[in-house]
Structure formats: C-alpha cells, structure tokens
Amino acid sequence: MTEASATPVALVTGSRTGIGRRLSEFLLSAGYSVVGCSRRASEWSANGYTHIECDVTQERDVKALFREITQIHGRLDVAINNAGTASMNHFLLTPVTTVRSMLETHVVGTFLVSREAVLLMRKRKYGRILNVGTVAVPLRLAGEAAYVAAKQAVVGLSQVMAKEVAEFGITVNVVGPGPTPTELIHGVPKSKIDALIASLAVKRLSTFEDVWNVVQFFLRPESSSVTGQVVYLGGVPNN
C-alpha cells in the first residue's frame, strides 16, 4: 500500500461531465488530488486527476475503486456522491425499470461509496462526505416522482450516516442545486424549467460556482461540527 501523502485527496463520482466535472476542476484548483469515476471513460484530463471506470451501483466495482484509491494515494479526505440520472414523466407513465435505475444509482450508489469512504477515512479520524441532492425534493416537483423519491432517500441516508460516523471525525452533508445547465436538463421542456425557476426566490439557473460555494463551506476543517445538514440553492425552504 502506498504511504499516505500530504496532499488531500477527493473522490467525485459522476465526474465525466456536468457538476461532477466542474467540482473536480474546482477541487484541483484548490490543491486536491482528485479521483473521478463514471461508467465510461473520461472526456477530459488534468494534472492531479485520475479517472477510473466504475459503476457505483455494483459493490464489486466500488470495492475495486477504493482499492485503487488506497494503492495510489493511501488516504481519502473527501467523497462527493454526484453520480446520478434523471427522468421527467408522470408517475403513471414511468416504467419500473426507470424507478429501479433511480434508486440503484442515487441510493445504492451513495450507500456503497459512502460506506467504503468511511472505512478508509476513519483510519485518519477525518473526512468529509458530501451528497448532491436537488430542489425537486422540497418543491415536490410534479413529473419527478421516482427522482424525488430517490433523492429524498439520499437525504435520509445522509442524516443517519452523519450520526453514525461523527465519532470518526467524519461529516456528512447534502447540497441541493436548482436546475443547473448540465446534460440532465437537456431533455426537459423549456416551459418546465421556466416554471421551476419561477417557483424559486432566486429566479435563475443554479451555476457551478453556486454549488462550489456551498461545497467549500462543508469541506472546510472549521466545519467539523456541521453535519447532517441540507442546503438547497435558489431560496427553497428546507422542509
């Protein structure tokens, strides 16, 4: 096993595109070594960035991912569960395969990655786990039944994990962006996006910088007592 380096190490799932890619780039600029993963090969590269193909819904893949992280870096400071999928449809028209895919990716994937992250982080009594949520949860967004159910489960999972891993010096929090210019919203009709934005206090799309701003706060060493929290962007009540 490689001796742990002094450089902090972050894992970002779903780092090939969108929020995951931008968070990886922000982390690199902040001095982290970054391990990214997705089910396909990366479309980008950078100094300090390692990409590993991994399906986060598969326990075997996730365990292999963490073996590589341990061999390469010997440590993990941050794990960001960003990998996700979305589908907008009336629940009566939503195939059960879509529901299972949502639950597998968001809930099972977050569970597996977080579990393996904690097993590595607790050796150093320090860690930050951050899960990506969505404003669709507090808004109870129509047409997103399966997606909202999966992301609501991520919130509950995060808050229970926060209690269970606090003794290891690890925090677990959730950031919930509003609609963000990524592949996930490309197939959503503009009228739906406009209606969603109109329901927000801050009437615009969330930006990658908005998300990073909250991530930075959660990742600070000084945020050691901030855990089990959910921050939604756009002025959405957390209830």
Foldseek 3Di string as FASTA:
>chain_A
DDAADPFAEEEFEPCQWDLNVVLQVVVVVVGHQYEYEEQDDHPDDDPSYHYDYAQLLDLVRLVVVLVVCCVVHVAHAEYELDDAAFFFAAPVPDDVVVLVRRQSRQPSSLVSNVVSNLVRHLVVLHHEYEYEAALCQLVVDGRGVSNNVNRVNNLVVFLVVQVVRLRSLYAGEYEHFYAEPTPRCPPPDPVSSQVSLVPFPNRDGDYSVNVVVVVVVRSDSVCSVDHSYYHYPRHRDDD
